[in-house]
Amino acid sequence: MSTIVNSADEFNKLLKKYPKMAIDFKAVWCGPCKLISPAFEGHAKAQKEALKADNTEAKDDIIFVTIDVDEVPEIAQKYNITAMPTFKFLVNGKEVDELIGANKGSLETKVKSLI
């Protein structure tokens, strides 16, 4: 499961702790968000399972987070979120990739390139 971020302070702490971050910006009222959310959660779960299985290729340097744009609008504004779902991929606090929309294939490609 991804980590649900409920405040800007919580987000900033995670950003400092993890070199890599995959962010799902969504809203509870967003239909496409509901369709792609299981795919994002699946990637988060797969990463955690790889770590538990002591997979030597898996690294504990990435976190998957979910942000409701209505609950934490300051983070959505910081990353210029204008459509949902939007996925942002960060390395050392800097955005390296983005996906707007509910395209599972593109999401998988971008997550794999981040990991």
C-alpha atoms as a PDB file:
ATOM      1  CA  MET A   1       0.000   0.000   0.000  1.00  0.00           C
ATOM      2  CA  SER A   2       1.054   3.543  -0.642  1.00  0.00           C
ATOM      3  CA  THR A   3       1.502   6.048   2.151  1.00  0.00           C
ATOM      4  CA  ILE A   4      -1.399   8.483   2.424  1.00  0.00           C
ATOM      5  CA  VAL A   5      -0.111  11.998   3.023  1.00  0.00           C
ATOM      6  CA  ASN A   6      -2.402  14.216   5.098  1.00  0.00           C
ATOM      7  CA  SER A   7      -0.303  17.366   5.481  1.00  0.00           C
ATOM      8  CA  ALA A   8       2.454  19.379   3.855  1.00  0.00           C
ATOM      9  CA  ASP A   9       4.658  18.772   6.891  1.00  0.00           C
ATOM     10  CA  GLU A  10       4.256  15.003   6.561  1.00  0.00           C
ATOM     11  CA  PHE A  11       5.051  15.215   2.839  1.00  0.00           C
ATOM     12  CA  ASN A  12       8.205  17.257   3.449  1.00  0.00           C
ATOM     13  CA  LYS A  13       9.466  14.766   6.040  1.00  0.00           C
ATOM     14  CA  LEU A  14       9.002  11.883   3.583  1.00  0.00           C
ATOM     15  CA  LEU A  15      10.661  13.898   0.825  1.00  0.00           C
ATOM     16  CA  LYS A  16      13.763  14.317   3.002  1.00  0.00           C
ATOM     17  CA  LYS A  17      13.804  10.661   4.055  1.00  0.00           C
ATOM     18  CA  TYR A  18      13.409   8.962   0.664  1.00  0.00           C
ATOM     19  CA  PRO A  19      15.623   9.723  -2.343  1.00  0.00           C
ATOM     20  CA  LYS A  20      12.911   8.502  -4.745  1.00  0.00           C
ATOM     21  CA  MET A  21       9.207   9.228  -4.584  1.00  0.00           C
ATOM     22  CA  ALA A  22       6.247   8.242  -6.750  1.00  0.00           C
ATOM     23  CA  ILE A  23       3.231  10.454  -6.054  1.00  0.00           C
ATOM     24  CA  ASP A  24      -0.389   9.810  -6.985  1.00  0.00           C
ATOM     25  CA  PHE A  25      -2.320  13.095  -6.942  1.00  0.00           C
ATOM     26  CA  LYS A  26      -6.011  12.284  -6.905  1.00  0.00           C
ATOM     27  CA  ALA A  27      -9.431  13.263  -5.570  1.00  0.00           C
ATOM     28  CA  VAL A  28     -12.207  11.132  -4.105  1.00  0.00           C
ATOM     29  CA  TRP A  29     -14.659  12.400  -6.721  1.00  0.00           C
ATOM     30  CA  CYS A  30     -12.371  11.563  -9.673  1.00  0.00           C
ATOM     31  CA  GLY A  31     -13.576   8.557 -11.682  1.00  0.00           C
ATOM     32  CA  PRO A  32     -10.327   7.891 -13.605  1.00  0.00           C
ATOM     33  CA  CYS A  33      -8.435   8.094 -10.290  1.00  0.00           C
ATOM     34  CA  LYS A  34     -10.504   5.206  -8.973  1.00  0.00           C
ATOM     35  CA  LEU A  35      -9.741   3.163 -12.084  1.00  0.00           C
ATOM     36  CA  ILE A  36      -5.956   3.507 -11.931  1.00  0.00           C
ATOM     37  CA  SER A  37      -5.519   3.553  -8.163  1.00  0.00           C
ATOM     38  CA  PRO A  38      -5.292  -0.269  -7.918  1.00  0.00           C
ATOM     39  CA  ALA A  39      -2.401  -0.261 -10.416  1.00  0.00           C
ATOM     40  CA  PHE A  40      -0.479   2.343  -8.390  1.00  0.00           C
ATOM     41  CA  GLU A  41      -1.182   0.433  -5.183  1.00  0.00           C
ATOM     42  CA  GLY A  42      -0.011  -2.750  -6.895  1.00  0.00           C
ATOM     43  CA  HIS A  43       3.369  -1.176  -7.654  1.00  0.00           C
ATOM     44  CA  ALA A  44       3.683   0.017  -4.053  1.00  0.00           C
ATOM     45  CA  LYS A  45       2.802  -3.432  -2.749  1.00  0.00           C
ATOM     46  CA  ALA A  46       5.227  -5.156  -5.122  1.00  0.00           C
ATOM     47  CA  GLN A  47       8.071  -2.923  -3.923  1.00  0.00           C
ATOM     48  CA  LYS A  48       7.308  -3.681  -0.267  1.00  0.00           C
ATOM     49  CA  GLU A  49       7.073  -7.416  -0.964  1.00  0.00           C
ATOM     50  CA  ALA A  50      10.414  -7.359  -2.773  1.00  0.00           C
ATOM     51  CA  LEU A  51      12.002  -5.760   0.286  1.00  0.00           C
ATOM     52  CA  LYS A  52      10.410  -8.305   2.636  1.00  0.00           C
ATOM     53  CA  ALA A  53      11.605 -11.159   0.431  1.00  0.00           C
ATOM     54  CA  ASP A  54      15.130  -9.782   0.783  1.00  0.00           C
ATOM     55  CA  ASN A  55      15.395  -9.343  -2.936  1.00  0.00           C
ATOM     56  CA  THR A  56      18.918  -8.054  -3.430  1.00  0.00           C
ATOM     57  CA  GLU A  57      17.777  -5.897  -6.360  1.00  0.00           C
ATOM     58  CA  ALA A  58      15.096  -4.119  -4.304  1.00  0.00           C
ATOM     59  CA  LYS A  59      16.191  -0.950  -2.548  1.00  0.00           C
ATOM     60  CA  ASP A  60      14.538   0.809   0.368  1.00  0.00           C
ATOM     61  CA  ASP A  61      15.082   4.215  -1.198  1.00  0.00           C
ATOM     62  CA  ILE A  62      11.661   4.728  -2.770  1.00  0.00           C
ATOM     63  CA  ILE A  63       8.256   5.533  -1.369  1.00  0.00           C
ATOM     64  CA  PHE A  64       4.863   5.539  -3.046  1.00  0.00           C
ATOM     65  CA  VAL A  65       2.570   8.262  -1.714  1.00  0.00           C
ATOM     66  CA  THR A  66      -1.027   9.239  -2.359  1.00  0.00           C
ATOM     67  CA  ILE A  67      -2.194  12.816  -1.990  1.00  0.00           C
ATOM     68  CA  ASP A  68      -5.808  13.934  -2.146  1.00  0.00           C
ATOM     69  CA  VAL A  69      -5.631  17.353  -3.823  1.00  0.00           C
ATOM     70  CA  ASP A  70      -8.613  18.575  -1.798  1.00  0.00           C
ATOM     71  CA  GLU A  71      -7.063  17.514   1.502  1.00  0.00           C
ATOM     72  CA  VAL A  72      -3.529  18.821   0.919  1.00  0.00           C
ATOM     73  CA  PRO A  73      -3.979  21.619  -1.633  1.00  0.00           C
ATOM     74  CA  GLU A  74      -0.651  23.291  -0.851  1.00  0.00           C
ATOM     75  CA  ILE A  75       1.289  20.293  -2.181  1.00  0.00           C
ATOM     76  CA  ALA A  76      -0.970  20.059  -5.246  1.00  0.00           C
ATOM     77  CA  GLN A  77      -0.308  23.743  -5.910  1.00  0.00           C
ATOM     78  CA  LYS A  78       3.439  23.328  -5.395  1.00  0.00           C
ATOM     79  CA  TYR A  79       3.498  20.713  -8.176  1.00  0.00           C
ATOM     80  CA  ASN A  80       1.035  22.601 -10.430  1.00  0.00           C
ATOM     81  CA  ILE A  81      -1.583  19.865 -10.435  1.00  0.00           C
ATOM     82  CA  THR A  82      -4.377  20.865 -12.810  1.00  0.00           C
ATOM     83  CA  ALA A  83      -5.817  17.456 -13.743  1.00  0.00           C
ATOM     84  CA  MET A  84      -6.358  14.173 -11.973  1.00  0.00           C
ATOM     85  CA  PRO A  85      -4.965  11.690 -11.806  1.00  0.00           C
ATOM     86  CA  THR A  86      -1.471  13.100 -12.093  1.00  0.00           C
ATOM     87  CA  PHE A  87       1.569  11.092 -11.106  1.00  0.00           C
ATOM     88  CA  LYS A  88       4.851  12.793 -10.300  1.00  0.00           C
ATOM     89  CA  PHE A  89       8.163  10.998 -10.002  1.00  0.00           C
ATOM     90  CA  LEU A  90      10.885  12.616  -7.910  1.00  0.00           C
ATOM     91  CA  VAL A  91      14.562  11.896  -7.386  1.00  0.00           C
ATOM     92  CA  ASN A  92      16.324  13.798  -4.608  1.00  0.00           C
ATOM     93  CA  GLY A  93      13.356  16.164  -4.398  1.00  0.00           C
ATOM     94  CA  LYS A  94      13.422  17.073  -8.079  1.00  0.00           C
ATOM     95  CA  GLU A  95      10.748  16.077 -10.567  1.00  0.00           C
ATOM     96  CA  VAL A  96      12.137  13.679 -13.170  1.00  0.00           C
ATOM     97  CA  ASP A  97       8.919  12.491 -14.810  1.00  0.00           C
ATOM     98  CA  GLU A  98       5.174  12.984 -14.902  1.00  0.00           C
ATOM     99  CA  LEU A  99       2.078  11.170 -16.093  1.00  0.00           C
ATOM    100  CA  ILE A 100      -1.281  12.854 -16.491  1.00  0.00           C
ATOM    101  CA  GLY A 101      -4.217  10.510 -16.893  1.00  0.00           C
ATOM    102  CA  ALA A 102      -5.122   6.922 -16.153  1.00  0.00           C
ATOM    103  CA  ASN A 103      -2.826   5.000 -18.501  1.00  0.00           C
ATOM    104  CA  LYS A 104      -1.733   1.783 -16.764  1.00  0.00           C
ATOM    105  CA  GLY A 105       0.933   0.926 -19.322  1.00  0.00           C
ATOM    106  CA  SER A 106       2.571   4.339 -19.059  1.00  0.00           C
ATOM    107  CA  LEU A 107       2.366   4.199 -15.270  1.00  0.00           C
ATOM    108  CA  GLU A 108       4.159   0.859 -15.212  1.00  0.00           C
ATOM    109  CA  THR A 109       6.884   2.136 -17.540  1.00  0.00           C
ATOM    110  CA  LYS A 110       7.484   5.249 -15.450  1.00  0.00           C
ATOM    111  CA  VAL A 111       7.503   3.360 -12.143  1.00  0.00           C
ATOM    112  CA  LYS A 112      10.013   0.831 -13.515  1.00  0.00           C
ATOM    113  CA  SER A 113      12.296   3.608 -14.708  1.00  0.00           C
ATOM    114  CA  LEU A 114      12.184   5.212 -11.257  1.00  0.00           C
ATOM    115  CA  ILE A 115      12.968   1.996  -9.409  1.00  0.00           C
END
